[in-house]
Each structure stands twice: as C-alpha cells, then as structure tokens.
Amino acid sequence: MSHSPLLNLPGPSPDLLDDIGSAIDAARDFVADFDPDLVVTFSPDHYNGFFYRAMPPFCIGTAAEGVGDYGTYQGPLDVPGDLATDCAVAVLGADVDVALSAAMQVDHGTVQPLEKLFGDATAKPVIPVFVNSVATPLGPMRRVRALGAAVGGYLASLGKRVLIIGSGGLSHDPPVPTLATAPPAALDRIVHGVPMTSEQRQARQTAVIEAAREFAAGQGSLAPLNPAWDQAFLDLLDTNRLDEVDGWDNAWIAAQAGNSAHEVRTWVAAFAALATQGPYTTGHRFYRAAPELIAGFAIRTAVTA
C-alpha cells in the first residue's frame, strides 16, 4: 500500500480521503480476517532514521521505534528480536548483504500502514525491513527482488501466518533534499542526522502542504504523476511478472515516474517474498492518481494461489 504524510495533514479533499479511506477499510478487513501472527514491513525512510553517514541499501531491525513524524505514532514497536536476528542470518546466508540495527528509527513510511491496518502500530509483532528508496545511488532492482525472496524463504520456515507489507508511493516526486541540492541545514540532517527542532518540523509540514497545493493546481516544478506507468507496474504485479523489474534502470524509473517512484522497491520486495510460496493472486485492487498527495496512490492485497 502507498503512504503519504499528507493523509494526516490539512489539504486533501473529502472526496479523495473518502475514496482512499474505503480502499483502506477493505484492506483492513482483509488483514483482520487473516489475523496474522507476525507482520513484516518493507519500508523506505525519508531521512528520519537513516542518513548518509552510513546509508545501507537494506537493513533489518531487531528493535525499532517510531519517530512520530507527520502525526504518526512515536515510541517502540513490538519487534521480536530473536526472529528478526534469525531473519537477518537467513538473508545473509542467501547471499544478500543486509545491515542489522538494534536501534532502528522508523518514520511514517513504516508506521502509517500499521496504524491504518490495525488502528495501533503496536498491535502485532513486526519485523521492520528498511529498503533504501530515496538516497542515491541506489542498487539494481534485481537485488531488491533477491532481498524479498530471501526474506520470504525465511518466513516460510516459521509455520506462522505472516502479513507482508510493502509501503511506498508509485509515481511521485515530492520535495526531498539531495546531497547535490540540500542547503546547509538540510545537509546536516541528511548526512549527520542532526535532529529537527519542533519549529523546523512545523516548517517542513507547512512546506509540504504548500507544495501539494501548488502541484494539485498544476503549478510548481515537481515532476508530474504518470498514471500509465503506475498502471503498468500494477499490472506486472497482478500477472506475476515480477522478474521483469530486474532489467529496469534506475535513471529510467526516475525519468518516467519521479525520483521517489523508487519506493516501488518496497512493493517488489514484498511480492517477491510472497512469490517464494508459488503463484499468487491479487484481490482488492485500488489506484488513484492523487495530485493532492503528490503521489500515485495504490493498494493491493494478495494471497498465495
């Protein structure tokens, strides 16, 4: 499922929120019926927990806490440290390099889906898996699929009902700082992890709201959404053609769908984990190009066939 800080901020129209809310309700019912023993999230970070002082492509948390950005939960998650450690061992054993964090900080990209699906980010034990989708340079897509397959292989050995979440927007290009463009204060944050003051957080929220307002009005400099690209990606998932992403070039993804479209990596990892169990079928299918959220917003549920 997609996430957006703007779901928790003023601005989006009631029509849009109702439409997305109905789709989330259907996903929540799906999750409630499944009643998982364990949740595994593949999520990005937006320079709230991972920084350029050491930016891994992948990381598994054996303990984690929400940072509380954009009105999401702040505090520790219920992470089963032994299972998370065993998962990391299994992934490394499958020849996928993954970092380990015993003090992972996660933002709305991880926490918002947990809150939307369970009502409480701590309702279920969760293993958080960070997938770098923002801080360039990024690794090849085939490695993301390999990560998901390695995690899925481990999960299959547990004998548990496991809900796998991939959290990311599809086409979108929000105002995210980069090493090349960040002003000094932002550079300190994305490199050294200098904490934001309450005033800085408020200023960032105001800037995001204004950027979304301009974007929805057809103004500003952000790259446009690409619903055709989004739909093609979703069709690829729906028809079990996951291996096709192996040949996708990172520059092509950004050019087609915006710099933050790399968050589809979380979807690829999640579906790759599911696909280790054989063919799968997607159920609830929702998509909406949502300029008010600066994102192509989608939800899919899927189960093994």
Protein backbone atom coordinates (compact mmCIF):
# COMPACT_ATOMS: atom_id res chain seq x y z
CA MET A 1 0.00 0.00 0.00
CA SER A 2 1.05 3.57 -0.53
CA HIS A 3 1.64 6.01 2.29
CA SER A 4 1.57 9.79 2.40
CA PRO A 5 2.28 12.33 5.13
CA LEU A 6 -0.50 14.43 3.58
CA LEU A 7 -3.11 11.92 4.72
CA ASN A 8 -2.50 13.32 8.20
CA LEU A 9 -2.33 17.00 7.19
CA PRO A 10 -4.91 19.61 6.08
CA GLY A 11 -5.47 19.95 2.35
CA PRO A 12 -6.74 16.77 0.65
CA SER A 13 -10.37 16.92 -0.46
CA PRO A 14 -13.06 14.92 1.35
CA ASP A 15 -13.73 13.03 -1.89
CA LEU A 16 -10.13 11.87 -2.10
CA LEU A 17 -9.93 10.95 1.57
CA ASP A 18 -13.23 9.05 1.37
CA ASP A 19 -12.07 7.14 -1.71
CA ILE A 20 -8.75 6.14 -0.15
CA GLY A 21 -10.45 5.51 3.18
CA SER A 22 -12.81 2.99 1.60
CA ALA A 23 -9.90 1.16 -0.01
CA ILE A 24 -8.02 1.10 3.30
CA ASP A 25 -11.16 -0.22 5.02
CA ALA A 26 -11.24 -3.14 2.58
CA ALA A 27 -7.56 -3.85 3.21
CA ARG A 28 -8.16 -3.64 6.97
CA ASP A 29 -10.96 -6.22 6.70
CA PHE A 30 -8.65 -8.47 4.68
CA VAL A 31 -6.00 -8.21 7.39
CA ALA A 32 -8.49 -8.78 10.20
CA ASP A 33 -9.79 -11.94 8.51
CA PHE A 34 -6.23 -13.22 8.09
CA ASP A 35 -5.33 -12.32 11.70
CA PRO A 36 -1.54 -12.58 11.28
CA ASP A 37 0.80 -13.89 13.95
CA LEU A 38 3.60 -11.71 12.60
CA VAL A 39 3.95 -8.68 10.33
CA VAL A 40 6.97 -7.94 8.13
CA THR A 41 7.21 -4.47 6.63
CA PHE A 42 9.36 -3.44 3.67
CA SER A 43 9.55 0.33 4.00
CA PRO A 44 11.59 3.33 2.91
CA ASP A 45 12.86 6.13 5.13
CA HIS A 46 12.82 9.86 4.47
CA TYR A 47 15.98 10.90 6.34
CA ASN A 48 14.37 10.27 9.70
CA GLY A 49 16.21 7.11 10.70
CA PHE A 50 18.86 6.53 8.03
CA PHE A 51 21.41 9.10 6.93
CA TYR A 52 24.36 9.48 4.58
CA ARG A 53 26.85 8.98 7.40
CA ALA A 54 26.14 5.30 6.71
CA MET A 55 23.37 4.52 4.20
CA PRO A 56 22.77 0.78 3.75
CA PRO A 57 20.72 -0.45 0.81
CA PHE A 58 18.84 -2.80 3.17
CA CYS A 59 18.57 -3.12 6.94
CA ILE A 60 16.62 -5.39 9.31
CA GLY A 61 15.67 -4.02 12.71
CA THR A 62 15.89 -6.20 15.82
CA ALA A 63 14.38 -3.30 17.77
CA ALA A 64 12.67 -0.20 16.42
CA GLU A 65 10.81 2.93 17.41
CA GLY A 66 8.59 5.31 15.51
CA VAL A 67 9.91 8.86 15.31
CA GLY A 68 6.41 10.38 15.32
CA ASP A 69 6.66 12.41 12.12
CA TYR A 70 3.52 13.80 10.49
CA GLY A 71 1.31 12.81 13.38
CA THR A 72 2.20 9.12 13.38
CA TYR A 73 2.97 7.03 16.45
CA GLN A 74 6.09 7.87 18.43
CA GLY A 75 7.56 5.10 20.54
CA PRO A 76 8.79 1.49 20.44
CA LEU A 77 7.35 -1.10 18.11
CA ASP A 78 6.80 -4.72 19.18
CA VAL A 79 9.77 -6.27 17.39
CA PRO A 80 10.56 -9.94 18.15
CA GLY A 81 14.33 -9.54 18.27
CA ASP A 82 15.14 -13.24 18.03
CA LEU A 83 13.07 -13.71 14.87
CA ALA A 84 14.46 -10.52 13.32
CA THR A 85 18.02 -11.69 14.02
CA ASP A 86 17.29 -15.12 12.56
CA CYS A 87 15.80 -13.42 9.51
CA ALA A 88 18.97 -11.38 9.01
CA VAL A 89 21.09 -14.54 9.34
CA ALA A 90 18.93 -16.28 6.73
CA VAL A 91 19.10 -13.34 4.33
CA LEU A 92 22.88 -13.16 4.63
CA GLY A 93 23.00 -16.91 4.10
CA ALA A 94 21.06 -16.41 0.87
CA ASP A 95 23.89 -14.17 -0.41
CA VAL A 96 22.04 -10.89 0.10
CA ASP A 97 24.02 -8.30 2.06
CA VAL A 98 21.82 -6.71 4.69
CA ALA A 99 22.67 -4.46 7.64
CA LEU A 100 21.36 -5.03 11.15
CA SER A 101 20.03 -2.38 13.52
CA ALA A 102 19.36 -2.91 17.21
CA ALA A 103 18.04 0.66 17.46
CA MET A 104 16.17 1.32 14.22
CA GLN A 105 14.18 4.51 13.91
CA VAL A 106 11.27 4.34 11.50
CA ASP A 107 9.04 7.09 10.16
CA HIS A 108 5.59 7.38 8.60
CA GLY A 109 6.62 5.06 5.78
CA THR A 110 6.61 2.17 8.27
CA VAL A 111 4.19 3.38 10.92
CA GLN A 112 1.32 4.78 8.85
CA PRO A 113 0.38 1.43 7.23
CA LEU A 114 0.45 -0.28 10.64
CA GLU A 115 -1.85 2.38 12.05
CA LYS A 116 -4.20 2.27 9.06
CA LEU A 117 -4.44 -1.53 9.01
CA PHE A 118 -4.52 -2.28 12.74
CA GLY A 119 -5.51 1.01 14.37
CA ASP A 120 -2.39 0.73 16.53
CA ALA A 121 1.22 0.49 15.38
CA THR A 122 1.98 -1.87 18.26
CA ALA A 123 -0.97 -4.22 17.75
CA LYS A 124 1.13 -7.02 16.24
CA PRO A 125 4.75 -8.18 16.41
CA VAL A 126 6.56 -6.63 13.45
CA ILE A 127 9.93 -7.12 11.78
CA PRO A 128 10.87 -3.85 10.02
CA VAL A 129 12.96 -4.15 6.87
CA PHE A 130 14.36 -0.88 5.54
CA VAL A 131 14.71 -0.62 1.76
CA ASN A 132 16.60 2.50 0.67
CA SER A 133 14.42 4.20 -1.92
CA VAL A 134 15.44 7.84 -1.55
CA ALA A 135 19.19 8.29 -1.01
CA THR A 136 21.07 7.86 -4.27
CA PRO A 137 22.99 6.00 -5.53
CA LEU A 138 20.61 3.06 -5.44
CA GLY A 139 21.38 -0.57 -6.14
CA PRO A 140 19.86 -2.53 -9.02
CA MET A 141 16.27 -3.67 -8.86
CA ARG A 142 17.28 -7.32 -9.12
CA ARG A 143 18.88 -7.05 -5.68
CA VAL A 144 15.59 -5.80 -4.24
CA ARG A 145 13.84 -8.86 -5.62
CA ALA A 146 16.59 -11.05 -4.20
CA LEU A 147 16.10 -9.45 -0.79
CA GLY A 148 12.36 -10.16 -0.86
CA ALA A 149 12.92 -13.76 -1.94
CA ALA A 150 15.45 -14.30 0.84
CA VAL A 151 13.09 -12.90 3.47
CA GLY A 152 10.22 -14.96 2.06
CA GLY A 153 12.30 -18.11 2.24
CA TYR A 154 12.92 -17.50 5.91
CA LEU A 155 9.29 -16.68 6.68
CA ALA A 156 8.19 -19.96 5.08
CA SER A 157 10.16 -21.84 7.72
CA LEU A 158 8.30 -20.31 10.67
CA GLY A 159 4.94 -22.04 10.44
CA LYS A 160 3.22 -18.73 11.20
CA ARG A 161 0.58 -16.61 9.49
CA VAL A 162 2.70 -13.72 8.23
CA LEU A 163 1.36 -10.48 6.78
CA ILE A 164 3.88 -8.87 4.44
CA ILE A 165 3.54 -5.14 3.83
CA GLY A 166 5.24 -3.18 1.08
CA SER A 167 4.86 0.53 1.83
CA GLY A 168 5.51 3.06 -0.91
CA GLY A 169 4.06 5.52 -3.36
CA LEU A 170 4.11 4.83 -7.10
CA SER A 171 4.88 7.76 -9.41
CA HIS A 172 5.75 10.81 -7.33
CA ASP A 173 8.41 13.47 -6.99
CA PRO A 174 7.92 15.33 -3.70
CA PRO A 175 10.36 17.99 -2.49
CA VAL A 176 13.03 15.77 -0.91
CA PRO A 177 16.56 17.15 -0.36
CA THR A 178 19.55 15.53 -2.06
CA LEU A 179 23.27 15.69 -1.47
CA ALA A 180 23.61 17.87 -4.54
CA THR A 181 20.81 20.34 -3.74
CA ALA A 182 20.37 20.47 0.05
CA PRO A 183 21.07 23.78 1.82
CA PRO A 184 23.47 23.60 4.80
CA ALA A 185 20.82 22.91 7.47
CA ALA A 186 19.21 20.15 5.41
CA LEU A 187 22.64 18.77 4.55
CA ASP A 188 23.45 18.45 8.25
CA ARG A 189 20.24 16.50 8.66
CA ILE A 190 20.51 14.08 5.73
CA VAL A 191 24.21 13.40 6.31
CA HIS A 192 24.70 13.62 10.07
CA GLY A 193 21.17 13.05 11.29
CA VAL A 194 21.01 16.34 13.19
CA PRO A 195 17.57 16.29 14.86
CA MET A 196 14.92 18.72 13.65
CA THR A 197 13.56 21.24 16.12
CA SER A 198 9.81 21.49 16.59
CA GLU A 199 9.93 24.71 14.59
CA GLN A 200 11.78 23.00 11.75
CA ARG A 201 9.28 20.12 11.72
CA GLN A 202 6.41 22.57 11.56
CA ALA A 203 8.11 24.49 8.76
CA ARG A 204 8.61 21.26 6.83
CA GLN A 205 4.96 20.32 7.23
CA THR A 206 3.90 23.76 6.02
CA ALA A 207 6.22 23.48 3.02
CA VAL A 208 4.83 20.05 2.12
CA ILE A 209 1.25 21.30 2.36
CA GLU A 210 2.08 24.28 0.13
CA ALA A 211 3.91 22.08 -2.39
CA ALA A 212 0.88 19.78 -2.60
CA ARG A 213 -1.47 22.74 -3.06
CA GLU A 214 0.64 24.10 -5.92
CA PHE A 215 1.03 20.67 -7.50
CA ALA A 216 -2.71 19.97 -7.41
CA ALA A 217 -3.26 23.36 -9.07
CA GLY A 218 -0.84 22.47 -11.87
CA GLN A 219 1.85 24.80 -10.61
CA GLY A 220 5.35 24.36 -9.23
CA SER A 221 8.33 22.44 -10.53
CA LEU A 222 7.63 18.90 -9.33
CA ALA A 223 7.57 16.16 -11.95
CA PRO A 224 4.04 15.13 -12.99
CA LEU A 225 2.45 11.88 -11.93
CA ASN A 226 2.46 9.10 -14.52
CA PRO A 227 -0.72 7.03 -14.14
CA ALA A 228 0.10 4.94 -17.22
CA TRP A 229 3.44 3.90 -15.68
CA ASP A 230 1.72 3.18 -12.38
CA GLN A 231 -0.92 1.01 -14.01
CA ALA A 232 1.70 -0.89 -15.99
CA PHE A 233 3.61 -1.59 -12.79
CA LEU A 234 0.47 -2.78 -11.01
CA ASP A 235 -0.44 -5.00 -13.98
CA LEU A 236 3.05 -6.52 -13.80
CA LEU A 237 2.40 -7.45 -10.17
CA ASP A 238 -1.15 -8.65 -10.83
CA THR A 239 0.06 -11.02 -13.55
CA ASN A 240 3.05 -12.50 -11.70
CA ARG A 241 5.70 -10.97 -14.00
CA LEU A 242 7.94 -9.80 -11.19
CA ASP A 243 11.16 -10.85 -12.87
CA GLU A 244 10.71 -8.12 -15.47
CA VAL A 245 11.84 -5.46 -13.00
CA ASP A 246 15.34 -6.99 -12.98
CA GLY A 247 16.20 -5.07 -16.12
CA TRP A 248 14.82 -1.71 -15.03
CA ASP A 249 17.38 1.08 -14.98
CA ASN A 250 17.24 3.45 -12.00
CA ALA A 251 17.59 6.56 -14.16
CA TRP A 252 14.72 5.33 -16.34
CA ILE A 253 12.47 4.89 -13.28
CA ALA A 254 13.16 8.44 -12.11
CA ALA A 255 12.65 9.89 -15.59
CA GLN A 256 9.37 8.06 -16.09
CA ALA A 257 7.79 8.45 -12.69
CA GLY A 258 9.77 10.85 -10.49
CA ASN A 259 12.65 10.47 -8.08
CA SER A 260 10.52 8.98 -5.30
CA ALA A 261 9.00 6.35 -7.58
CA HIS A 262 11.90 4.23 -6.36
CA GLU A 263 9.61 3.45 -3.41
CA VAL A 264 8.09 0.74 -5.63
CA ARG A 265 11.12 -1.23 -4.42
CA THR A 266 9.16 -1.98 -1.27
CA TRP A 267 6.34 -3.46 -3.35
CA VAL A 268 8.81 -5.55 -5.36
CA ALA A 269 10.39 -6.91 -2.18
CA ALA A 270 7.00 -7.72 -0.64
CA PHE A 271 5.67 -9.52 -3.71
CA ALA A 272 8.99 -11.35 -4.13
CA ALA A 273 8.66 -12.61 -0.56
CA LEU A 274 5.13 -13.82 -1.29
CA ALA A 275 6.16 -15.40 -4.59
CA THR A 276 8.58 -17.77 -2.83
CA GLN A 277 5.44 -19.73 -1.90
CA GLY A 278 4.40 -20.15 -5.53
CA PRO A 279 1.82 -18.37 -7.70
CA TYR A 280 -0.28 -15.70 -6.02
CA THR A 281 -3.47 -13.85 -6.80
CA THR A 282 -4.23 -10.22 -6.06
CA GLY A 283 -7.59 -9.38 -4.54
CA HIS A 284 -8.51 -5.82 -3.59
CA ARG A 285 -7.20 -3.52 -6.31
CA PHE A 286 -7.19 0.23 -5.81
CA TYR A 287 -5.39 3.00 -7.66
CA ARG A 288 -5.83 6.74 -7.83
CA ALA A 289 -3.60 9.41 -9.24
CA ALA A 290 -3.70 11.87 -6.34
CA PRO A 291 -2.01 15.23 -7.00
CA GLU A 292 -3.25 16.43 -3.60
CA LEU A 293 -0.97 13.79 -2.08
CA ILE A 294 1.77 14.33 -4.70
CA ALA A 295 1.55 10.60 -5.43
CA GLY A 296 0.11 7.80 -7.41
CA PHE A 297 -1.65 6.04 -4.52
CA ALA A 298 -2.36 2.32 -4.69
CA ILE A 299 -3.40 -0.62 -2.54
CA ARG A 300 -3.21 -4.30 -3.39
CA THR A 301 -3.97 -7.37 -1.32
CA ALA A 302 -2.62 -10.72 -2.41
CA VAL A 303 -2.54 -14.34 -1.23
CA THR A 304 -0.86 -17.47 -2.48
CA ALA A 305 -2.99 -19.20 -5.09
